[in-house]
N, C-alpha and C. Protein backbone atom coordinates (compact mmCIF):
# COMPACT_ATOMS: atom_id res chain seq x y z
N VAL A 1 0.85 -1.19 -0.01
CA VAL A 1 -0.01 0.01 0.01
C VAL A 1 0.88 1.25 0.01
N GLN A 2 0.54 2.16 -0.91
CA GLN A 2 1.28 3.46 -0.93
C GLN A 2 0.28 4.57 -0.62
N LEU A 3 0.66 5.51 0.20
CA LEU A 3 -0.19 6.62 0.56
C LEU A 3 0.48 7.92 0.14
N GLN A 4 -0.29 8.80 -0.47
CA GLN A 4 0.22 10.07 -0.97
C GLN A 4 -0.63 11.20 -0.39
N ALA A 5 -0.02 12.02 0.44
CA ALA A 5 -0.70 13.12 1.06
C ALA A 5 -0.49 14.42 0.28
N SER A 6 -1.50 15.28 0.33
CA SER A 6 -1.38 16.56 -0.33
C SER A 6 -2.26 17.57 0.38
N GLY A 7 -2.10 18.87 0.04
CA GLY A 7 -3.00 19.88 0.55
C GLY A 7 -2.43 20.75 1.64
N GLY A 8 -1.21 20.48 2.05
CA GLY A 8 -0.58 21.35 3.07
C GLY A 8 -0.28 22.72 2.52
N GLY A 9 0.08 23.62 3.43
CA GLY A 9 0.42 24.99 2.99
C GLY A 9 0.49 25.92 4.18
N SER A 10 0.54 27.19 3.90
CA SER A 10 0.60 28.21 4.94
C SER A 10 -0.73 28.96 5.00
N VAL A 11 -1.17 29.21 6.19
CA VAL A 11 -2.45 29.90 6.41
C VAL A 11 -2.39 30.74 7.68
N GLN A 12 -3.17 31.75 7.76
CA GLN A 12 -3.19 32.56 8.99
C GLN A 12 -4.14 31.88 9.99
N ALA A 13 -3.93 32.21 11.24
CA ALA A 13 -4.76 31.73 12.33
C ALA A 13 -6.23 32.01 11.99
N GLY A 14 -7.10 31.02 12.22
CA GLY A 14 -8.49 31.17 11.93
C GLY A 14 -8.88 30.67 10.56
N GLY A 15 -7.89 30.41 9.75
CA GLY A 15 -8.15 29.93 8.41
C GLY A 15 -8.43 28.44 8.34
N SER A 16 -8.56 27.98 7.10
CA SER A 16 -8.91 26.56 6.88
C SER A 16 -8.00 25.95 5.80
N LEU A 17 -7.79 24.67 5.93
CA LEU A 17 -7.10 23.87 4.91
C LEU A 17 -7.75 22.50 4.80
N ARG A 18 -7.64 21.90 3.69
CA ARG A 18 -8.14 20.51 3.51
C ARG A 18 -7.01 19.67 2.99
N LEU A 19 -6.67 18.63 3.78
CA LEU A 19 -5.68 17.69 3.39
C LEU A 19 -6.37 16.49 2.72
N ALA A 20 -5.65 15.91 1.77
CA ALA A 20 -6.14 14.72 1.08
C ALA A 20 -5.07 13.66 1.06
N CYS A 21 -5.48 12.40 1.07
CA CYS A 21 -4.53 11.33 1.04
C CYS A 21 -5.13 10.25 0.15
N SER A 22 -4.42 9.87 -0.87
CA SER A 22 -4.87 8.82 -1.78
C SER A 22 -4.03 7.57 -1.61
N ALA A 23 -4.69 6.42 -1.62
CA ALA A 23 -4.02 5.16 -1.44
C ALA A 23 -3.98 4.37 -2.75
N SER A 24 -2.94 3.60 -2.94
CA SER A 24 -2.83 2.72 -4.12
C SER A 24 -2.19 1.44 -3.67
N GLY A 25 -2.24 0.47 -4.56
CA GLY A 25 -1.65 -0.82 -4.24
C GLY A 25 -2.70 -1.76 -3.61
N ARG A 26 -2.28 -2.52 -2.62
CA ARG A 26 -3.16 -3.51 -1.97
C ARG A 26 -4.08 -2.85 -0.98
N THR A 27 -4.96 -1.99 -1.46
CA THR A 27 -5.79 -1.21 -0.55
C THR A 27 -6.79 -2.05 0.24
N PHE A 28 -7.02 -3.26 -0.22
CA PHE A 28 -7.92 -4.14 0.55
C PHE A 28 -7.29 -4.56 1.87
N SER A 29 -5.98 -4.30 1.98
CA SER A 29 -5.26 -4.65 3.23
C SER A 29 -5.48 -3.62 4.32
N MET A 30 -6.11 -2.50 3.95
CA MET A 30 -6.25 -1.43 4.92
C MET A 30 -7.58 -1.59 5.69
N SER A 31 -7.56 -1.15 6.96
CA SER A 31 -8.80 -1.01 7.69
C SER A 31 -9.03 0.47 7.98
N ARG A 32 -8.83 0.90 9.21
CA ARG A 32 -8.97 2.33 9.53
C ARG A 32 -7.89 3.18 8.86
N MET A 33 -8.27 4.37 8.49
CA MET A 33 -7.32 5.36 7.98
C MET A 33 -7.31 6.58 8.89
N GLY A 34 -6.17 7.24 8.92
CA GLY A 34 -6.16 8.39 9.85
C GLY A 34 -5.06 9.37 9.52
N TRP A 35 -5.01 10.37 10.39
CA TRP A 35 -3.98 11.40 10.25
C TRP A 35 -3.23 11.56 11.60
N PHE A 36 -1.96 11.72 11.48
CA PHE A 36 -1.10 12.02 12.59
C PHE A 36 -0.34 13.31 12.26
N ARG A 37 0.25 13.94 13.24
CA ARG A 37 1.10 15.11 12.98
C ARG A 37 2.28 15.17 13.89
N GLN A 38 3.30 15.85 13.42
CA GLN A 38 4.51 16.02 14.21
C GLN A 38 4.88 17.51 14.22
N PRO A 39 4.56 18.18 15.33
CA PRO A 39 4.93 19.59 15.47
C PRO A 39 6.47 19.74 15.53
N PRO A 40 6.98 20.91 15.25
CA PRO A 40 8.46 21.09 15.28
C PRO A 40 8.99 20.76 16.68
N GLY A 41 9.99 19.88 16.72
CA GLY A 41 10.66 19.57 17.97
C GLY A 41 9.87 18.66 18.90
N LYS A 42 8.76 18.12 18.40
CA LYS A 42 7.92 17.25 19.25
C LYS A 42 7.73 15.88 18.65
N GLU A 43 7.08 15.03 19.44
CA GLU A 43 6.82 13.66 18.98
C GLU A 43 5.64 13.69 18.05
N ARG A 44 5.54 12.67 17.25
CA ARG A 44 4.35 12.53 16.39
C ARG A 44 3.13 12.19 17.26
N GLU A 45 2.00 12.75 16.92
CA GLU A 45 0.78 12.54 17.70
C GLU A 45 -0.41 12.25 16.82
N PHE A 46 -1.35 11.52 17.41
CA PHE A 46 -2.59 11.18 16.71
C PHE A 46 -3.46 12.41 16.53
N VAL A 47 -4.11 12.52 15.36
CA VAL A 47 -5.06 13.62 15.11
C VAL A 47 -6.49 13.09 14.99
N ALA A 48 -6.66 12.14 14.07
CA ALA A 48 -8.02 11.63 13.82
C ALA A 48 -7.92 10.38 12.99
N ASP A 49 -8.93 9.52 13.15
CA ASP A 49 -9.03 8.34 12.29
C ASP A 49 -10.50 8.05 11.97
N VAL A 50 -10.68 7.19 10.94
CA VAL A 50 -12.02 6.87 10.48
C VAL A 50 -12.03 5.38 10.12
N SER A 51 -13.17 4.74 10.39
CA SER A 51 -13.31 3.34 10.10
C SER A 51 -13.41 3.07 8.60
N ARG A 52 -13.32 1.80 8.25
CA ARG A 52 -13.39 1.45 6.84
C ARG A 52 -14.69 1.88 6.25
N SER A 53 -15.78 1.81 6.99
CA SER A 53 -17.11 2.17 6.50
C SER A 53 -17.25 3.70 6.42
N GLY A 54 -16.44 4.39 7.17
CA GLY A 54 -16.57 5.86 7.26
C GLY A 54 -17.49 6.36 8.31
N TYR A 55 -18.13 5.45 9.01
CA TYR A 55 -19.15 5.84 10.00
C TYR A 55 -18.60 6.17 11.39
N THR A 56 -17.45 5.60 11.69
CA THR A 56 -16.88 5.78 13.06
C THR A 56 -15.62 6.59 12.97
N THR A 57 -15.58 7.66 13.75
CA THR A 57 -14.43 8.52 13.76
C THR A 57 -13.90 8.74 15.17
N ASN A 58 -12.64 9.10 15.29
CA ASN A 58 -12.05 9.44 16.58
C ASN A 58 -11.19 10.71 16.35
N TYR A 59 -11.16 11.53 17.37
CA TYR A 59 -10.37 12.76 17.25
C TYR A 59 -9.55 12.99 18.50
N ALA A 60 -8.37 13.59 18.34
CA ALA A 60 -7.69 14.08 19.51
C ALA A 60 -8.42 15.25 20.11
N ASP A 61 -8.36 15.39 21.43
CA ASP A 61 -9.10 16.47 22.12
C ASP A 61 -8.73 17.83 21.55
N SER A 62 -7.51 17.99 21.15
CA SER A 62 -7.02 19.29 20.69
C SER A 62 -7.69 19.75 19.37
N VAL A 63 -8.25 18.83 18.64
CA VAL A 63 -8.84 19.18 17.34
C VAL A 63 -10.32 18.99 17.26
N LYS A 64 -10.93 18.44 18.27
CA LYS A 64 -12.37 18.19 18.28
C LYS A 64 -13.13 19.46 18.05
N GLY A 65 -14.12 19.40 17.16
CA GLY A 65 -14.96 20.56 16.86
C GLY A 65 -14.34 21.49 15.81
N ARG A 66 -13.07 21.26 15.45
CA ARG A 66 -12.44 22.09 14.41
C ARG A 66 -12.05 21.30 13.22
N PHE A 67 -11.68 20.04 13.37
CA PHE A 67 -11.23 19.21 12.28
C PHE A 67 -12.31 18.17 11.97
N ALA A 68 -12.41 17.75 10.73
CA ALA A 68 -13.34 16.69 10.35
C ALA A 68 -12.66 15.76 9.36
N ILE A 69 -12.68 14.47 9.71
CA ILE A 69 -12.09 13.44 8.82
C ILE A 69 -13.22 12.77 8.07
N SER A 70 -12.92 12.41 6.81
CA SER A 70 -13.89 11.72 5.98
C SER A 70 -13.12 10.75 5.07
N ARG A 71 -13.90 9.82 4.50
CA ARG A 71 -13.26 8.78 3.66
C ARG A 71 -14.13 8.53 2.46
N ASP A 72 -13.49 8.30 1.33
CA ASP A 72 -14.19 7.98 0.08
C ASP A 72 -13.55 6.67 -0.40
N ASN A 73 -14.20 5.55 -0.15
CA ASN A 73 -13.64 4.26 -0.50
C ASN A 73 -13.59 4.05 -2.01
N ALA A 74 -14.50 4.69 -2.74
CA ALA A 74 -14.47 4.57 -4.20
C ALA A 74 -13.20 5.17 -4.79
N LYS A 75 -12.65 6.16 -4.09
CA LYS A 75 -11.41 6.82 -4.55
C LYS A 75 -10.19 6.40 -3.74
N ASN A 76 -10.42 5.48 -2.79
CA ASN A 76 -9.35 5.06 -1.89
C ASN A 76 -8.67 6.29 -1.26
N ALA A 77 -9.45 7.19 -0.74
CA ALA A 77 -8.97 8.43 -0.23
C ALA A 77 -9.51 8.77 1.15
N VAL A 78 -8.73 9.53 1.90
CA VAL A 78 -9.16 10.04 3.18
C VAL A 78 -8.83 11.53 3.18
N TYR A 79 -9.69 12.33 3.84
CA TYR A 79 -9.55 13.75 3.86
C TYR A 79 -9.55 14.26 5.29
N LEU A 80 -8.92 15.38 5.48
CA LEU A 80 -8.98 16.08 6.78
C LEU A 80 -9.29 17.54 6.53
N GLN A 81 -10.50 17.94 6.89
CA GLN A 81 -10.91 19.33 6.80
C GLN A 81 -10.50 20.02 8.10
N MET A 82 -9.66 21.03 8.00
CA MET A 82 -9.16 21.71 9.21
C MET A 82 -9.65 23.14 9.21
N ASN A 83 -10.45 23.49 10.19
CA ASN A 83 -11.02 24.80 10.32
C ASN A 83 -10.50 25.45 11.59
N SER A 84 -10.68 26.76 11.69
CA SER A 84 -10.28 27.54 12.88
C SER A 84 -8.86 27.16 13.29
N LEU A 85 -7.97 27.15 12.32
CA LEU A 85 -6.59 26.74 12.60
C LEU A 85 -5.88 27.67 13.57
N LYS A 86 -5.04 27.06 14.36
CA LYS A 86 -4.28 27.79 15.39
C LYS A 86 -2.79 27.59 15.09
N PRO A 87 -1.96 28.53 15.61
CA PRO A 87 -0.50 28.35 15.40
C PRO A 87 -0.01 26.99 15.95
N GLU A 88 -0.63 26.47 16.99
CA GLU A 88 -0.20 25.19 17.54
C GLU A 88 -0.57 24.01 16.66
N ASP A 89 -1.31 24.25 15.59
CA ASP A 89 -1.57 23.21 14.64
C ASP A 89 -0.45 23.04 13.60
N THR A 90 0.52 23.92 13.67
CA THR A 90 1.65 23.83 12.75
C THR A 90 2.39 22.52 12.97
N ALA A 91 2.55 21.76 11.87
CA ALA A 91 3.17 20.45 11.97
C ALA A 91 3.30 19.85 10.59
N ILE A 92 4.05 18.75 10.53
CA ILE A 92 3.99 17.91 9.34
C ILE A 92 2.85 16.90 9.60
N TYR A 93 1.93 16.79 8.69
CA TYR A 93 0.77 15.91 8.80
C TYR A 93 1.00 14.66 7.92
N TYR A 94 0.79 13.56 8.57
CA TYR A 94 0.97 12.26 7.91
C TYR A 94 -0.35 11.52 7.82
N CYS A 95 -0.63 10.95 6.69
CA CYS A 95 -1.78 10.04 6.62
C CYS A 95 -1.24 8.63 6.88
N ALA A 96 -2.10 7.78 7.38
CA ALA A 96 -1.69 6.44 7.72
C ALA A 96 -2.90 5.53 7.62
N ALA A 97 -2.62 4.23 7.55
CA ALA A 97 -3.69 3.23 7.49
C ALA A 97 -3.29 2.04 8.32
N ARG A 98 -4.30 1.46 8.98
CA ARG A 98 -4.08 0.25 9.73
C ARG A 98 -4.12 -0.94 8.82
N ASP A 99 -3.29 -1.91 9.08
CA ASP A 99 -3.37 -3.15 8.40
C ASP A 99 -4.59 -3.94 8.89
N ALA A 100 -5.36 -4.48 7.98
CA ALA A 100 -6.61 -5.16 8.39
C ALA A 100 -6.38 -6.43 9.18
N THR A 101 -5.21 -7.02 9.09
CA THR A 101 -4.90 -8.24 9.82
C THR A 101 -4.27 -7.96 11.19
N THR A 102 -3.20 -7.14 11.16
CA THR A 102 -2.50 -6.90 12.42
C THR A 102 -3.10 -5.75 13.23
N LEU A 103 -3.90 -4.90 12.55
CA LEU A 103 -4.52 -3.73 13.19
C LEU A 103 -3.46 -2.69 13.63
N SER A 104 -2.26 -2.83 13.15
CA SER A 104 -1.22 -1.84 13.44
C SER A 104 -1.22 -0.75 12.41
N TRP A 105 -0.75 0.44 12.77
CA TRP A 105 -0.59 1.50 11.84
C TRP A 105 0.62 1.19 10.98
N THR A 106 0.38 0.45 9.92
CA THR A 106 1.48 -0.12 9.11
C THR A 106 1.86 0.75 7.93
N TYR A 107 0.92 1.44 7.34
CA TYR A 107 1.14 2.15 6.09
C TYR A 107 1.16 3.66 6.36
N TRP A 108 2.19 4.33 5.82
CA TRP A 108 2.36 5.75 6.09
C TRP A 108 2.65 6.53 4.80
N GLY A 109 2.10 7.74 4.73
CA GLY A 109 2.40 8.65 3.63
C GLY A 109 3.66 9.45 3.97
N GLN A 110 4.04 10.29 3.05
CA GLN A 110 5.31 11.01 3.18
C GLN A 110 5.20 12.26 4.01
N GLY A 111 4.00 12.76 4.32
CA GLY A 111 3.89 13.94 5.13
C GLY A 111 3.67 15.18 4.29
N THR A 112 2.85 16.06 4.84
CA THR A 112 2.67 17.35 4.18
C THR A 112 2.67 18.43 5.26
N LEU A 113 3.36 19.54 4.99
CA LEU A 113 3.57 20.57 5.98
C LEU A 113 2.45 21.55 6.04
N VAL A 114 1.94 21.80 7.25
CA VAL A 114 0.95 22.80 7.50
C VAL A 114 1.56 23.85 8.45
N THR A 115 1.54 25.10 8.00
CA THR A 115 2.09 26.19 8.83
C THR A 115 0.99 27.21 9.08
N VAL A 116 0.72 27.49 10.35
CA VAL A 116 -0.28 28.44 10.75
C VAL A 116 0.38 29.60 11.47
N SER A 117 0.20 30.78 10.87
CA SER A 117 0.82 31.98 11.45
C SER A 117 -0.18 32.79 12.25
N SER A 118 0.30 33.45 13.25
CA SER A 118 -0.59 34.23 14.13
C SER A 118 -0.77 35.68 13.60
């Protein structure tokens, strides 16, 4: 499975961005898909994930009410709509997918940079 993330960029605080991640290869091996981020000088952290069906989602407390994750299985894609962005949302954002057998976050994209200025 290969994951390709896009949509990062620079925005002012309060603005919005939409990240997209497309999957290719053995996509039937994926179960949940999600987004993680790594702020400058910090560890990578969970942002949000969505079930294979798209009906079940989870969010980090820091983004609840501002970010929305969605999935389009016909396009093998997952999206992250980010609203009311804050400077602390600045990070490299990675899309990822769980392996359907091991349930581990096995598949990772290359990351896309989001910079939020105050």
